[in-house]
Amino acid sequence: MKLGITTGTCSSAAALGALFKALGKDPSYVKTQLPNGEYIEVEIIQAGVRSDGRYFSMVKKYAGDDPDVTDGILIGASLLLRPGKQNISIIGGEGVGKVTKPGLYLEPGEWAINPVPKKQITDNLLRFLPKYWDLQVEIYVPNGSKIATQTFNSELGIEGGISILGTTGRVFPMSQGSFMETIRLQIRQRIALGFHTLVLVPGNYGEKFAQSLGRDSQHIIRTSGYIGFALDTARIEKAKRIVVIGQVGKMVKIAGGIFNTHNQVADARREILFAHLVRFGLPTQFFDDIWLATTAEQVSQILNSWPSAAQFWDYLAHEIALKINKRIKSKLSVEVYIFSLKQGLLGKDVPDE
């Protein structure tokens, strides 16, 4: 699969293109250094001088085979040249977000240009910057504010545009790393804001159900299938209480000790649910229907005619809490809620109740 380039690499290439323009060159490609020291060539889409006297150039973001919402967008850099010692300052412009909340790698009020891309831009420019030039570099992204609405930026407290990111300079296809890093940043940020109770949900359905239970949206973090990673991070970041809320199919997997709930990783919902039902005392008349059910939601409906169903779901929630406590070494208080899309709350385990 094809690798892409990060917004940080695009910004570095655009800054180089603008500097070359200021040096009297008209580049169609620039050789850009990645954070690991590797060099790649990046095409310059446009370069020139603005009416305000700033030199600029633009590149097109290429995500390779990764389904990145920033694929194909233009990222530009403009330079303000001043006489002085060899110095570089970097700011954001149109379409680059600003940090508004603590807990990220940047402080509130700073432009959302992460430390590694900022160093990448600086290092690339210093390769060619004349000794007595002082540069102010502005990174900008036309349509960046619109693109940002399709990212997690607003949840992280980054407003007004996209972030300039990248630790390697490359985008790896279908990488889970970027999503996991988003989870990490959200958890760090919630802790920094003083929210020591974290509500972990798999996705949109879990988030809506958590809100229906009265949970503050500022405490809610969507983990997708990476519930184990989120739990580990919450322990490391010293959260005090974890609330795990999920639809029955996802939660059954956790009952079996599966902490990456993506289907391609593991799917033993039928076996796990059946084993717990038998252990709890499910009458044999339900066996065939339960075993042949195609979804956990269907199982929850079949069990409606069983008088002990409510007690079973509370029991299962408790078993899930035990699995979570074992994972995090009982460092946190844990609550568990299991819900059905059609029936609402099925069972819960709340230590204080």
Protein backbone atom coordinates (compact mmCIF):
# COMPACT_ATOMS: atom_id res chain seq x y z
CA MET A 1 0.00 0.00 0.00
CA LYS A 2 1.16 3.55 -0.75
CA LEU A 3 2.50 5.81 2.00
CA GLY A 4 1.34 9.40 2.27
CA ILE A 5 2.87 12.55 3.75
CA THR A 6 1.76 14.36 6.90
CA THR A 7 0.53 17.92 7.19
CA GLY A 8 3.87 18.60 8.89
CA THR A 9 5.81 17.41 5.85
CA CYS A 10 3.53 19.42 3.55
CA SER A 11 4.16 22.53 5.66
CA SER A 12 7.92 21.94 5.58
CA ALA A 13 7.89 21.55 1.79
CA ALA A 14 5.74 24.65 1.33
CA ALA A 15 8.07 26.67 3.56
CA LEU A 16 11.06 25.49 1.51
CA GLY A 17 9.28 26.40 -1.73
CA ALA A 18 8.62 29.91 -0.42
CA LEU A 19 12.25 30.30 0.70
CA PHE A 20 13.54 29.19 -2.71
CA LYS A 21 11.23 31.73 -4.33
CA ALA A 22 12.71 34.41 -2.07
CA LEU A 23 16.19 33.28 -3.17
CA GLY A 24 15.22 33.84 -6.81
CA LYS A 25 14.51 30.25 -7.73
CA ASP A 26 11.31 28.84 -9.22
CA PRO A 27 11.09 25.28 -7.86
CA SER A 28 8.68 22.65 -9.14
CA TYR A 29 9.84 20.14 -6.48
CA VAL A 30 11.69 20.48 -3.20
CA LYS A 31 13.76 17.87 -1.40
CA THR A 32 12.30 17.79 2.09
CA GLN A 33 13.88 16.18 5.13
CA LEU A 34 11.66 14.00 7.34
CA PRO A 35 12.07 13.88 11.13
CA ASN A 36 14.01 10.59 10.83
CA GLY A 37 16.56 12.18 8.47
CA GLU A 38 15.18 10.65 5.28
CA TYR A 39 14.64 12.93 2.27
CA ILE A 40 11.65 12.91 -0.08
CA GLU A 41 10.66 15.08 -3.03
CA VAL A 42 7.43 17.05 -2.76
CA GLU A 43 5.80 18.87 -5.66
CA ILE A 44 5.25 22.62 -5.41
CA ILE A 45 1.80 23.41 -6.83
CA GLN A 46 2.19 27.20 -6.83
CA ALA A 47 4.78 29.76 -5.71
CA GLY A 48 4.99 33.53 -5.93
CA VAL A 49 4.94 36.87 -4.13
CA ARG A 50 1.79 38.19 -2.46
CA SER A 51 0.61 41.77 -2.63
CA ASP A 52 1.83 42.27 0.94
CA GLY A 53 5.36 41.32 -0.11
CA ARG A 54 5.37 37.86 1.48
CA TYR A 55 6.84 35.01 -0.55
CA PHE A 56 4.62 31.92 -0.63
CA SER A 57 4.27 28.43 -2.01
CA MET A 58 1.66 25.69 -1.79
CA VAL A 59 1.68 21.90 -1.90
CA LYS A 60 -1.07 19.30 -2.12
CA LYS A 61 -1.54 16.89 0.77
CA TYR A 62 -1.22 13.26 -0.31
CA ALA A 63 -2.49 10.57 2.07
CA GLY A 64 -1.45 7.54 0.02
CA ASP A 65 -3.85 4.67 0.67
CA ASP A 66 -4.96 6.02 4.05
CA PRO A 67 -8.60 7.28 4.19
CA ASP A 68 -7.54 10.69 5.50
CA VAL A 69 -10.01 13.62 5.32
CA THR A 70 -7.09 15.95 4.57
CA ASP A 71 -6.14 14.07 1.40
CA GLY A 72 -5.88 16.46 -1.55
CA ILE A 73 -6.13 19.70 0.41
CA LEU A 74 -3.71 22.56 -0.26
CA ILE A 75 -1.28 23.60 2.45
CA GLY A 76 0.70 26.78 2.08
CA ALA A 77 3.51 28.72 3.72
CA SER A 78 4.31 32.40 3.41
CA LEU A 79 7.49 34.14 4.56
CA LEU A 80 8.08 37.61 5.96
CA LEU A 81 11.77 38.47 5.50
CA ARG A 82 13.52 40.84 7.88
CA PRO A 83 17.20 41.70 8.33
CA GLY A 84 18.75 40.36 11.50
CA LYS A 85 20.36 37.26 12.94
CA GLN A 86 19.47 33.90 11.46
CA ASN A 87 16.16 33.27 13.21
CA ILE A 88 12.87 31.51 12.41
CA SER A 89 9.47 32.00 14.04
CA ILE A 90 6.41 29.98 13.02
CA ILE A 91 2.77 31.02 13.28
CA GLY A 92 -0.53 29.74 11.93
CA GLY A 93 -2.79 31.47 9.48
CA GLU A 94 -6.06 30.80 7.69
CA GLY A 95 -7.36 27.28 8.28
CA VAL A 96 -4.89 26.35 11.04
CA GLY A 97 -6.49 25.77 14.41
CA LYS A 98 -5.70 27.28 17.77
CA VAL A 99 -5.55 25.37 21.06
CA THR A 100 -8.23 26.45 23.53
CA LYS A 101 -7.96 23.76 26.25
CA PRO A 102 -5.10 22.30 28.31
CA GLY A 103 -3.85 18.73 28.14
CA LEU A 104 -2.34 18.68 24.66
CA TYR A 105 1.30 18.96 23.63
CA LEU A 106 0.65 22.69 23.18
CA GLU A 107 -0.61 25.31 25.59
CA PRO A 108 -3.96 27.12 25.21
CA GLY A 109 -3.59 30.07 22.88
CA GLU A 110 -0.91 28.45 20.74
CA TRP A 111 -1.32 27.57 17.10
CA ALA A 112 -2.04 23.87 16.52
CA ILE A 113 1.36 23.20 14.99
CA ASN A 114 2.83 20.31 16.95
CA PRO A 115 6.45 20.34 18.19
CA VAL A 116 7.81 17.75 15.74
CA PRO A 117 6.40 19.46 12.61
CA LYS A 118 7.60 22.84 13.95
CA LYS A 119 11.11 21.46 14.31
CA GLN A 120 10.83 19.82 10.88
CA ILE A 121 9.94 23.15 9.28
CA THR A 122 12.78 24.92 11.12
CA ASP A 123 15.41 22.29 10.30
CA ASN A 124 14.50 22.29 6.61
CA LEU A 125 14.68 26.07 6.34
CA LEU A 126 18.01 26.28 8.21
CA ARG A 127 19.59 24.16 5.47
CA PHE A 128 19.25 27.10 3.05
CA LEU A 129 18.53 30.23 5.12
CA PRO A 130 21.10 33.01 4.61
CA LYS A 131 23.02 33.91 7.75
CA TYR A 132 21.53 37.38 8.23
CA TRP A 133 17.88 36.65 7.44
CA ASP A 134 15.15 36.66 10.05
CA LEU A 135 12.04 34.75 8.95
CA GLN A 136 8.45 34.75 10.15
CA VAL A 137 6.81 31.65 8.66
CA GLU A 138 3.03 31.52 8.37
CA ILE A 139 1.42 28.13 7.70
CA TYR A 140 -2.07 28.32 6.21
CA VAL A 141 -4.67 25.92 4.86
CA PRO A 142 -7.40 27.16 2.52
CA ASN A 143 -10.65 25.40 3.53
CA GLY A 144 -8.93 24.20 6.70
CA SER A 145 -11.75 25.38 8.94
CA LYS A 146 -14.25 23.36 6.90
CA ILE A 147 -12.06 20.24 6.88
CA ALA A 148 -11.62 20.53 10.66
CA THR A 149 -15.33 19.82 11.19
CA GLN A 150 -14.64 16.26 9.96
CA THR A 151 -11.89 15.67 12.55
CA PHE A 152 -11.69 15.30 16.34
CA ASN A 153 -10.26 18.81 16.71
CA SER A 154 -13.30 20.42 18.33
CA GLU A 155 -13.42 17.64 20.94
CA LEU A 156 -9.76 18.28 21.72
CA GLY A 157 -10.36 22.01 22.06
CA ILE A 158 -8.71 23.00 18.78
CA GLU A 159 -10.81 25.63 17.06
CA GLY A 160 -10.73 27.38 13.71
CA GLY A 161 -8.91 24.88 11.56
CA ILE A 162 -6.87 21.70 11.26
CA SER A 163 -3.75 20.70 13.17
CA ILE A 164 -0.28 20.45 11.66
CA LEU A 165 0.79 17.00 12.76
CA GLY A 166 3.21 14.15 12.16
CA THR A 167 5.90 12.39 14.16
CA THR A 168 7.48 10.48 11.27
CA GLY A 169 6.55 12.74 8.35
CA ARG A 170 4.80 9.83 6.69
CA VAL A 171 1.16 8.70 6.69
CA PHE A 172 0.86 4.93 7.01
CA PRO A 173 -2.21 3.35 5.36
CA MET A 174 -5.04 2.37 7.67
CA SER A 175 -2.83 3.12 10.67
CA GLN A 176 -4.53 2.76 14.03
CA GLY A 177 -1.83 4.88 15.61
CA SER A 178 -3.42 8.24 14.83
CA PHE A 179 -6.77 7.21 16.32
CA MET A 180 -5.12 5.78 19.42
CA GLU A 181 -3.14 8.97 19.84
CA THR A 182 -6.40 10.91 19.68
CA ILE A 183 -7.78 8.77 22.50
CA ARG A 184 -4.63 9.40 24.53
CA LEU A 185 -4.85 13.16 24.00
CA GLN A 186 -8.54 13.25 24.93
CA ILE A 187 -7.86 11.39 28.17
CA ARG A 188 -4.88 13.59 29.04
CA GLN A 189 -6.95 16.66 28.33
CA ARG A 190 -9.91 15.56 30.45
CA ILE A 191 -7.56 14.88 33.37
CA ALA A 192 -5.87 18.26 32.89
CA LEU A 193 -9.28 19.91 33.02
CA GLY A 194 -10.01 18.17 36.32
CA PHE A 195 -12.50 15.59 34.98
CA HIS A 196 -11.28 12.55 36.91
CA THR A 197 -14.34 10.48 35.94
CA LEU A 198 -14.01 9.27 32.36
CA VAL A 199 -16.92 7.77 30.42
CA LEU A 200 -15.65 5.35 27.76
CA VAL A 201 -18.01 4.44 24.92
CA PRO A 202 -17.35 2.57 21.66
CA GLY A 203 -19.01 5.11 19.35
CA ASN A 204 -22.04 7.26 18.55
CA TYR A 205 -24.66 4.90 19.99
CA GLY A 206 -22.77 4.60 23.24
CA GLU A 207 -22.30 8.35 23.42
CA LYS A 208 -26.01 9.00 22.95
CA PHE A 209 -26.94 6.40 25.55
CA ALA A 210 -24.43 7.85 28.02
CA GLN A 211 -26.01 11.26 27.54
CA SER A 212 -29.46 9.74 28.12
CA LEU A 213 -28.14 8.55 31.49
CA GLY A 214 -27.23 12.14 32.32
CA ARG A 215 -23.51 11.83 31.71
CA ASP A 216 -21.72 15.09 30.94
CA SER A 217 -20.56 15.11 27.32
CA GLN A 218 -17.23 16.61 28.45
CA HIS A 219 -16.47 13.34 30.26
CA ILE A 220 -17.31 11.08 27.29
CA ILE A 221 -14.53 9.58 25.15
CA ARG A 222 -15.22 7.43 22.09
CA THR A 223 -12.78 4.53 22.00
CA SER A 224 -13.94 2.64 18.89
CA GLY A 225 -12.59 -0.90 19.42
CA TYR A 226 -9.59 0.21 21.50
CA ILE A 227 -11.18 -0.10 24.92
CA GLY A 228 -8.11 -1.83 26.39
CA PHE A 229 -5.80 0.95 25.22
CA ALA A 230 -8.17 3.56 26.65
CA LEU A 231 -8.30 1.76 30.01
CA ASP A 232 -4.51 1.48 30.15
CA THR A 233 -4.13 5.16 29.31
CA ALA A 234 -6.70 6.18 31.94
CA ARG A 235 -4.71 4.26 34.57
CA ILE A 236 -1.41 5.81 33.46
CA GLU A 237 -2.89 9.32 33.44
CA LYS A 238 -4.29 8.74 36.96
CA ALA A 239 -8.02 8.95 36.35
CA LYS A 240 -10.04 8.13 39.47
CA ARG A 241 -13.22 6.57 38.08
CA ILE A 242 -14.01 4.80 34.83
CA VAL A 243 -17.52 4.34 33.46
CA VAL A 244 -17.77 1.90 30.56
CA ILE A 245 -21.02 2.10 28.61
CA GLY A 246 -21.60 -0.05 25.57
CA GLN A 247 -24.07 -1.87 23.38
CA VAL A 248 -24.47 -5.52 24.34
CA GLY A 249 -22.47 -6.97 21.42
CA LYS A 250 -19.33 -5.00 22.29
CA MET A 251 -19.69 -5.55 26.02
CA VAL A 252 -19.98 -9.33 25.68
CA LYS A 253 -16.52 -9.38 24.13
CA ILE A 254 -15.07 -7.60 27.19
CA ALA A 255 -16.73 -10.25 29.37
CA GLY A 256 -14.52 -12.73 27.54
CA GLY A 257 -11.37 -10.69 28.11
CA ILE A 258 -11.30 -9.28 24.56
CA PHE A 259 -10.11 -5.67 24.88
CA ASN A 260 -9.76 -4.89 21.20
CA THR A 261 -13.34 -5.37 20.07
CA HIS A 262 -12.87 -4.91 16.33
CA ASN A 263 -14.41 -7.86 14.48
CA GLN A 264 -11.22 -8.62 12.56
CA VAL A 265 -9.34 -9.07 15.85
CA ALA A 266 -11.70 -11.42 17.67
CA ASP A 267 -15.39 -12.35 17.67
CA ALA A 268 -16.57 -14.97 20.15
CA ARG A 269 -19.76 -13.23 21.25
CA ARG A 270 -21.94 -16.31 20.89
CA GLU A 271 -19.60 -18.57 22.81
CA ILE A 272 -18.95 -16.05 25.59
CA LEU A 273 -22.60 -15.15 26.05
CA PHE A 274 -23.74 -18.78 25.96
CA ALA A 275 -21.14 -19.82 28.54
CA HIS A 276 -22.18 -17.09 30.96
CA LEU A 277 -25.87 -17.86 30.47
CA VAL A 278 -25.33 -21.56 31.21
CA ARG A 279 -23.25 -20.71 34.27
CA PHE A 280 -26.01 -18.39 35.50
CA GLY A 281 -28.62 -21.15 35.12
CA LEU A 282 -30.31 -20.60 31.76
CA PRO A 283 -33.08 -23.22 31.28
CA THR A 284 -32.31 -25.76 28.58
CA GLN A 285 -35.37 -24.74 26.56
CA PHE A 286 -33.49 -21.58 25.53
CA PHE A 287 -30.31 -23.32 24.43
CA ASP A 288 -31.05 -23.83 20.74
CA ASP A 289 -32.50 -20.36 20.16
CA ILE A 290 -29.61 -18.67 21.94
CA TRP A 291 -26.96 -20.72 20.10
CA LEU A 292 -28.55 -20.04 16.71
CA ALA A 293 -29.07 -16.30 17.30
CA THR A 294 -27.09 -14.18 14.86
CA THR A 295 -26.54 -11.16 17.13
CA ALA A 296 -26.29 -10.33 20.82
CA GLU A 297 -29.22 -7.95 20.31
CA GLN A 298 -31.31 -10.93 19.20
CA VAL A 299 -30.26 -12.83 22.31
CA SER A 300 -31.44 -9.96 24.51
CA GLN A 301 -34.87 -10.15 22.87
CA ILE A 302 -35.07 -13.95 23.25
CA LEU A 303 -34.31 -13.61 26.96
CA ASN A 304 -37.26 -11.24 27.50
CA SER A 305 -39.41 -14.26 28.33
CA TRP A 306 -36.96 -15.50 30.97
CA PRO A 307 -37.87 -14.19 34.47
CA SER A 308 -34.20 -14.05 35.52
CA ALA A 309 -33.04 -11.97 32.51
CA ALA A 310 -32.65 -8.70 34.45
CA GLN A 311 -30.54 -10.39 37.12
CA PHE A 312 -28.44 -12.07 34.44
CA TRP A 313 -27.54 -8.78 32.76
CA ASP A 314 -26.51 -7.27 36.10
CA TYR A 315 -24.41 -10.38 36.73
CA LEU A 316 -22.76 -9.99 33.29
CA ALA A 317 -22.06 -6.30 33.98
CA HIS A 318 -20.34 -7.36 37.20
CA GLU A 319 -18.25 -9.95 35.33
CA ILE A 320 -17.22 -7.25 32.86
CA ALA A 321 -16.23 -4.98 35.74
CA LEU A 322 -14.07 -7.80 37.15
CA LYS A 323 -12.32 -8.20 33.78
CA ILE A 324 -11.70 -4.45 33.60
CA ASN A 325 -10.39 -4.34 37.17
CA LYS A 326 -8.01 -7.17 36.37
CA ARG A 327 -6.79 -5.27 33.29
CA ILE A 328 -6.14 -2.04 35.19
CA LYS A 329 -4.93 -3.85 38.34
CA SER A 330 -7.84 -2.44 40.40
CA LYS A 331 -6.33 1.04 40.35
CA LEU A 332 -9.61 2.77 39.49
CA SER A 333 -13.26 2.68 40.50
CA VAL A 334 -15.22 1.01 37.68
CA GLU A 335 -18.87 1.28 36.61
CA VAL A 336 -20.35 -0.78 33.78
CA TYR A 337 -23.58 -0.32 31.82
CA ILE A 338 -24.89 -2.68 29.12
CA PHE A 339 -27.61 -1.47 26.78
CA SER A 340 -29.63 -2.73 23.84
CA LEU A 341 -30.48 -0.55 20.88
CA LYS A 342 -34.11 -1.66 21.08
CA GLN A 343 -34.61 -2.24 24.81
CA GLY A 344 -32.42 0.36 26.44
CA LEU A 345 -30.59 -0.44 29.67
CA LEU A 346 -30.13 -4.18 30.20
CA GLY A 347 -27.81 -4.36 33.18
CA LYS A 348 -25.32 -2.41 35.26
CA ASP A 349 -22.67 -2.76 37.92
CA VAL A 350 -22.19 0.31 40.11
CA PRO A 351 -19.91 -0.18 43.13
CA ASP A 352 -21.61 2.48 45.28
CA GLU A 353 -25.08 1.03 44.87
